[in-house]
Amino acid sequence: MLGNGVVALALVLGVGAAGCGDKKKKRPSGFPASVLHDFKAKGIESSKFAETNPAPYGAKVCAEGQVEGLAVLLCRYEDADSAKGSESKLLTYVQGAVTGLVRTRGKDALVVADPDKMDLRGKHIAKIIKAFSRK
């Protein structure tokens, strides 16, 4: 009788222990935390982002900060069509920069600008855009 109880207990403990190592870090759901989490998961470092006025870009919410040393604006729109339709407004963020680019992904838009001429070959911009474009 004792032998069967020990086997049953070992099976229960074994099943419980198997699930303990499967804890995967959850992706944050807030904006821009979810986008910044995606960057970090791909080895791209960013500064803290601060909310900025979304009105000039026609967005619901926008935040700006630095990614890989470049100026970055992230905006969220009501829907994907609104994001895509705001690309010309978003380009105003790039004014005065040597290089800049706008990319949309669903309801989110990313603007990368290089006002300090630190990425003249576009290596960092390409890395950021690639990470943002692939979810």
Protein backbone atom coordinates (compact mmCIF):
# COMPACT_ATOMS: atom_id res chain seq x y z
CA MET A 1 0.00 0.00 0.00
CA LEU A 2 2.77 2.43 0.88
CA GLY A 3 4.49 1.78 -2.44
CA ASN A 4 1.43 2.87 -4.51
CA GLY A 5 1.02 6.04 -2.49
CA VAL A 6 4.66 7.02 -3.00
CA VAL A 7 4.39 6.47 -6.78
CA ALA A 8 1.18 8.54 -6.93
CA LEU A 9 2.81 11.31 -4.91
CA ALA A 10 5.89 11.27 -7.16
CA LEU A 11 3.70 11.58 -10.26
CA VAL A 12 1.80 14.52 -8.84
CA LEU A 13 5.00 16.29 -7.79
CA GLY A 14 6.60 15.56 -11.17
CA VAL A 15 3.69 17.10 -13.07
CA GLY A 16 3.69 20.17 -10.83
CA ALA A 17 7.44 20.65 -11.21
CA ALA A 18 7.26 20.39 -15.00
CA GLY A 19 5.08 23.48 -15.20
CA CYS A 20 7.31 25.61 -12.96
CA GLY A 21 10.01 26.29 -15.53
CA ASP A 22 7.58 27.37 -18.26
CA LYS A 23 7.06 30.90 -16.98
CA LYS A 24 7.58 33.18 -19.95
CA LYS A 25 7.71 36.94 -19.49
CA LYS A 26 4.41 38.45 -20.50
CA ARG A 27 4.35 41.13 -23.16
CA PRO A 28 3.01 44.38 -21.66
CA SER A 29 -0.33 45.43 -23.10
CA GLY A 30 -0.03 49.22 -22.69
CA PHE A 31 1.19 51.65 -25.31
CA PRO A 32 4.08 52.34 -25.90
CA ALA A 33 5.30 49.67 -23.44
CA SER A 34 4.28 46.85 -25.79
CA VAL A 35 6.30 48.29 -28.69
CA LEU A 36 9.33 48.99 -26.48
CA HIS A 37 9.12 45.44 -25.11
CA ASP A 38 9.25 44.13 -28.70
CA PHE A 39 12.38 46.23 -29.32
CA LYS A 40 14.07 44.97 -26.16
CA ALA A 41 13.24 41.37 -27.09
CA LYS A 42 15.14 41.96 -30.35
CA GLY A 43 18.18 43.47 -28.61
CA ILE A 44 17.31 47.10 -29.31
CA GLU A 45 17.79 49.50 -26.41
CA SER A 46 15.55 52.48 -25.77
CA SER A 47 15.23 55.33 -23.30
CA LYS A 48 12.12 56.03 -21.29
CA PHE A 49 9.35 57.43 -23.45
CA ALA A 50 7.22 60.40 -22.43
CA GLU A 51 3.77 61.22 -23.72
CA THR A 52 3.61 64.08 -26.18
CA ASN A 53 0.75 65.97 -27.83
CA PRO A 54 -0.89 63.63 -30.38
CA ALA A 55 -2.97 66.38 -32.07
CA PRO A 56 -0.41 67.41 -34.73
CA TYR A 57 -0.26 63.78 -35.86
CA GLY A 58 -4.01 63.07 -35.70
CA ALA A 59 -3.41 60.24 -33.22
CA LYS A 60 -5.11 59.09 -30.00
CA VAL A 61 -1.83 58.98 -28.08
CA CYS A 62 1.85 59.61 -28.88
CA ALA A 63 5.08 59.20 -26.96
CA GLU A 64 8.64 60.13 -27.79
CA GLY A 65 12.07 59.04 -26.66
CA GLN A 66 15.25 57.57 -28.04
CA VAL A 67 15.95 54.18 -29.55
CA GLU A 68 19.53 53.25 -30.42
CA GLY A 69 20.39 56.94 -29.88
CA LEU A 70 17.87 58.17 -32.48
CA ALA A 71 14.81 60.35 -31.92
CA VAL A 72 11.66 58.22 -32.07
CA LEU A 73 7.97 59.07 -32.05
CA LEU A 74 5.41 56.31 -31.46
CA CYS A 75 1.73 56.99 -32.07
CA ARG A 76 -1.44 54.90 -31.74
CA TYR A 77 -4.52 55.55 -33.87
CA GLU A 78 -8.17 54.51 -33.82
CA ASP A 79 -7.55 52.01 -36.61
CA ALA A 80 -5.01 50.93 -39.22
CA ASP A 81 -6.49 53.16 -41.93
CA SER A 82 -6.10 56.23 -39.72
CA ALA A 83 -2.48 55.34 -39.01
CA LYS A 84 -1.69 54.82 -42.69
CA GLY A 85 -3.49 58.05 -43.63
CA SER A 86 -1.42 60.10 -41.18
CA GLU A 87 1.98 59.37 -42.69
CA SER A 88 2.35 62.87 -44.14
CA LYS A 89 1.55 64.43 -40.74
CA LEU A 90 4.07 62.13 -39.09
CA LEU A 91 6.80 63.24 -41.50
CA THR A 92 6.73 66.68 -39.86
CA TYR A 93 8.55 65.03 -36.93
CA VAL A 94 11.49 64.37 -39.26
CA GLN A 95 11.88 68.01 -40.39
CA GLY A 96 15.42 69.23 -39.86
CA ALA A 97 16.84 65.73 -39.53
CA VAL A 98 19.36 64.36 -42.00
CA THR A 99 17.49 61.07 -42.24
CA GLY A 100 14.06 59.94 -41.13
CA LEU A 101 11.43 57.35 -41.85
CA VAL A 102 7.78 56.61 -41.05
CA ARG A 103 6.39 53.09 -40.73
CA THR A 104 2.93 51.90 -39.71
CA ARG A 105 1.90 48.54 -38.26
CA GLY A 106 -1.80 48.14 -37.69
CA LYS A 107 -2.96 50.97 -35.40
CA ASP A 108 0.60 51.93 -34.46
CA ALA A 109 2.98 54.29 -36.22
CA LEU A 110 6.72 54.70 -35.74
CA VAL A 111 8.78 57.71 -36.80
CA VAL A 112 12.58 57.56 -36.58
CA ALA A 113 14.65 60.72 -37.07
CA ASP A 114 18.39 61.36 -37.01
CA PRO A 115 18.79 65.08 -36.19
CA ASP A 116 22.31 64.58 -34.77
CA LYS A 117 23.77 62.86 -37.85
CA MET A 118 24.80 59.82 -35.81
CA ASP A 119 23.46 57.19 -38.26
CA LEU A 120 24.49 58.47 -41.68
CA ARG A 121 24.48 55.00 -43.21
CA GLY A 122 21.04 54.23 -41.81
CA LYS A 123 22.14 51.04 -40.05
CA HIS A 124 20.31 51.78 -36.79
CA ILE A 125 17.24 53.16 -38.54
CA ALA A 126 17.00 49.99 -40.63
CA LYS A 127 17.34 47.83 -37.50
CA ILE A 128 14.57 49.73 -35.70
CA ILE A 129 12.21 49.69 -38.69
CA LYS A 130 12.81 45.98 -39.24
CA ALA A 131 12.06 45.19 -35.59
CA PHE A 132 8.90 47.31 -35.64
CA SER A 133 7.65 45.86 -38.93
CA ARG A 134 7.86 42.27 -37.72
CA LYS A 135 5.64 41.40 -34.85
